[in-house]
């Protein structure tokens, strides 16, 4: 009887902790289980609580994925990098889901890419002229930055050339 009461108390405590976490932000199933385990609850209890939260629709992984996709795309990440990142977080995702999320939210990925280029190019865009060497260094810096965000080199180079031709 006492063991059963302890299990109920542990369940209530884990459930309450999970609800407090969800009050602040969305979580994936995997991240919520990990948070509960880190808090000291055993794996079986964490899985049980997470299943209950999903059943009651308090934990909605699709909202978490949608939020993460929008945020990472706005930061200038490529589709491939977003997919890879979410796969590492053990979230179900593919490029068609990203297309759907972006389509529904009205995010213009080309505009975001151009914004990333402008941000990295800096304030020397207008006014003082750059020497050939300075311009080459700046181009290389911008290209490295875009590639670090997961964009293909050829895509990045074409976008940079479009940007420079219009500015």
Protein backbone atom coordinates (compact mmCIF):
# COMPACT_ATOMS: atom_id res chain seq x y z
CA UNK A 1 0.00 0.00 0.00
CA UNK A 2 2.78 2.42 0.93
CA UNK A 3 4.64 1.63 -2.31
CA UNK A 4 1.49 2.35 -4.29
CA UNK A 5 1.12 5.73 -2.55
CA UNK A 6 4.77 6.56 -3.33
CA UNK A 7 4.15 5.68 -6.99
CA UNK A 8 1.09 7.92 -7.07
CA UNK A 9 3.02 10.73 -5.40
CA UNK A 10 5.90 10.32 -7.86
CA UNK A 11 3.45 10.34 -10.76
CA UNK A 12 1.75 13.49 -9.46
CA UNK A 13 5.10 15.18 -8.92
CA UNK A 14 6.36 14.26 -12.40
CA UNK A 15 3.08 15.30 -13.99
CA UNK A 16 3.10 18.65 -12.15
CA UNK A 17 6.70 19.28 -13.16
CA UNK A 18 5.87 18.53 -16.80
CA UNK A 19 2.87 20.88 -16.73
CA UNK A 20 5.05 23.67 -15.29
CA UNK A 21 7.55 23.13 -18.11
CA UNK A 22 4.81 23.16 -20.75
CA UNK A 23 3.42 26.39 -19.32
CA UNK A 24 6.64 28.12 -20.43
CA UNK A 25 7.16 26.56 -23.87
CA UNK A 26 6.40 23.61 -26.15
CA UNK A 27 8.47 20.44 -25.95
CA UNK A 28 8.92 17.38 -28.10
CA UNK A 29 8.13 13.96 -26.63
CA UNK A 30 11.85 13.15 -26.45
CA UNK A 31 12.83 16.46 -24.80
CA UNK A 32 10.08 16.21 -22.21
CA UNK A 33 11.09 12.65 -21.31
CA UNK A 34 14.69 13.82 -21.04
CA UNK A 35 13.72 16.76 -18.78
CA UNK A 36 11.78 14.46 -16.45
CA UNK A 37 14.65 11.95 -16.28
CA UNK A 38 17.12 14.79 -15.59
CA UNK A 39 14.85 15.88 -12.74
CA UNK A 40 15.29 12.44 -11.18
CA UNK A 41 12.22 10.52 -12.31
CA UNK A 42 12.79 7.03 -13.72
CA UNK A 43 12.46 6.37 -17.45
CA UNK A 44 9.25 4.32 -17.18
CA UNK A 45 7.50 7.03 -15.18
CA UNK A 46 8.71 9.72 -17.60
CA UNK A 47 7.33 7.77 -20.58
CA UNK A 48 4.03 7.19 -18.75
CA UNK A 49 3.61 10.88 -17.89
CA UNK A 50 4.52 11.99 -21.43
CA UNK A 51 2.00 9.53 -22.91
CA UNK A 52 -0.66 10.94 -20.59
CA UNK A 53 0.24 14.52 -21.62
CA UNK A 54 -0.03 13.56 -25.30
CA UNK A 55 -3.34 11.79 -24.73
CA UNK A 56 -4.74 14.90 -23.01
CA UNK A 57 -3.24 17.03 -25.83
CA UNK A 58 -1.14 19.12 -23.44
CA UNK A 59 2.01 18.02 -25.22
CA UNK A 60 1.60 18.51 -28.96
CA UNK A 61 4.74 17.59 -30.81
CA UNK A 62 3.42 18.99 -34.10
CA UNK A 63 3.26 22.48 -32.54
CA UNK A 64 6.79 22.09 -31.23
CA UNK A 65 8.05 21.04 -34.67
CA UNK A 66 6.20 23.90 -36.36
CA UNK A 67 7.63 26.43 -33.91
CA UNK A 68 11.18 25.10 -34.29
CA UNK A 69 10.99 25.06 -38.11
CA UNK A 70 9.77 28.67 -38.25
CA UNK A 71 12.40 29.84 -35.77
CA UNK A 72 15.31 28.08 -37.45
CA UNK A 73 14.30 29.14 -40.97
CA UNK A 74 14.00 32.76 -39.76
CA UNK A 75 17.54 32.44 -38.39
CA UNK A 76 18.66 31.65 -41.94
CA UNK A 77 19.08 27.88 -41.63
CA UNK A 78 18.64 25.74 -44.74
CA UNK A 79 16.00 23.01 -45.07
CA UNK A 80 18.63 20.29 -44.75
CA UNK A 81 20.11 21.77 -41.59
CA UNK A 82 16.65 22.16 -40.03
CA UNK A 83 15.79 18.54 -40.86
CA UNK A 84 19.11 17.32 -39.46
CA UNK A 85 18.70 19.37 -36.28
CA UNK A 86 15.16 18.13 -35.65
CA UNK A 87 16.19 14.54 -36.37
CA UNK A 88 18.86 14.95 -33.69
CA UNK A 89 16.08 16.10 -31.35
CA UNK A 90 14.22 12.89 -32.39
CA UNK A 91 11.34 14.82 -33.95
CA UNK A 92 9.46 13.42 -36.94
CA UNK A 93 10.16 15.77 -39.88
CA UNK A 94 10.74 15.75 -43.63
CA UNK A 95 11.10 18.38 -46.34
CA UNK A 96 7.40 18.22 -47.33
CA UNK A 97 6.46 19.13 -43.73
CA UNK A 98 8.86 22.07 -43.85
CA UNK A 99 7.37 23.20 -47.19
CA UNK A 100 3.88 23.01 -45.69
CA UNK A 101 4.86 24.95 -42.55
CA UNK A 102 6.66 27.63 -44.56
CA UNK A 103 3.80 27.87 -47.06
CA UNK A 104 1.21 28.33 -44.32
CA UNK A 105 3.28 30.88 -42.42
CA UNK A 106 4.22 33.00 -45.44
CA UNK A 107 7.96 32.91 -44.73
CA UNK A 108 9.98 33.99 -47.78
CA UNK A 109 13.19 31.94 -47.65
CA UNK A 110 14.84 33.98 -50.45
CA UNK A 111 14.16 37.18 -48.52
CA UNK A 112 15.64 35.62 -45.37
CA UNK A 113 18.73 34.53 -47.32
CA UNK A 114 19.14 38.07 -48.69
CA UNK A 115 18.74 39.47 -45.17
CA UNK A 116 21.49 37.12 -43.94
CA UNK A 117 23.77 38.33 -46.74
CA UNK A 118 23.05 41.98 -45.99
CA UNK A 119 23.62 41.40 -42.28
CA UNK A 120 27.02 39.79 -42.88
CA UNK A 121 28.06 42.18 -45.63
CA UNK A 122 27.84 45.02 -43.15
CA UNK A 123 27.61 48.76 -43.42
CA UNK A 124 30.24 49.18 -46.13
CA UNK A 125 27.62 48.41 -48.73
CA UNK A 126 27.03 52.05 -49.53
CA UNK A 127 29.47 54.90 -49.39
CA UNK A 128 33.14 54.00 -49.39
CA UNK A 129 34.39 51.73 -52.14
CA UNK A 130 36.14 48.48 -51.29
CA UNK A 131 39.35 47.39 -52.95
CA UNK A 132 39.22 44.18 -54.99
CA UNK A 133 40.97 42.29 -52.17
CA UNK A 134 38.59 43.66 -49.51
CA UNK A 135 35.59 42.75 -51.64
CA UNK A 136 36.91 39.20 -52.18
CA UNK A 137 37.51 38.74 -48.45
CA UNK A 138 34.00 39.97 -47.70
CA UNK A 139 32.52 37.62 -50.30
CA UNK A 140 34.41 34.69 -48.79
CA UNK A 141 33.24 35.65 -45.29
CA UNK A 142 29.60 35.84 -46.37
CA UNK A 143 29.83 32.54 -48.26
CA UNK A 144 31.40 30.77 -45.25
CA UNK A 145 28.60 32.13 -43.07
CA UNK A 146 25.85 30.94 -45.44
CA UNK A 147 27.43 27.50 -45.78
CA UNK A 148 27.65 27.29 -41.97
CA UNK A 149 23.86 27.80 -41.93
CA UNK A 150 23.52 24.72 -44.16
CA UNK A 151 23.07 26.40 -47.54
CA UNK A 152 24.77 24.83 -50.55
CA UNK A 153 27.80 26.71 -51.83
CA UNK A 154 26.35 27.17 -55.33
CA UNK A 155 23.03 28.44 -53.94
CA UNK A 156 24.86 30.83 -51.62
CA UNK A 157 27.17 32.11 -54.35
CA UNK A 158 24.23 32.76 -56.70
CA UNK A 159 22.31 34.59 -53.97
CA UNK A 160 25.38 36.69 -53.12
CA UNK A 161 25.85 37.63 -56.80
CA UNK A 162 22.14 38.61 -57.04
CA UNK A 163 22.54 40.68 -53.89
CA UNK A 164 25.65 42.47 -55.14
CA UNK A 165 24.12 43.17 -58.55
CA UNK A 166 21.16 44.94 -56.93
CA UNK A 167 23.15 46.93 -54.35
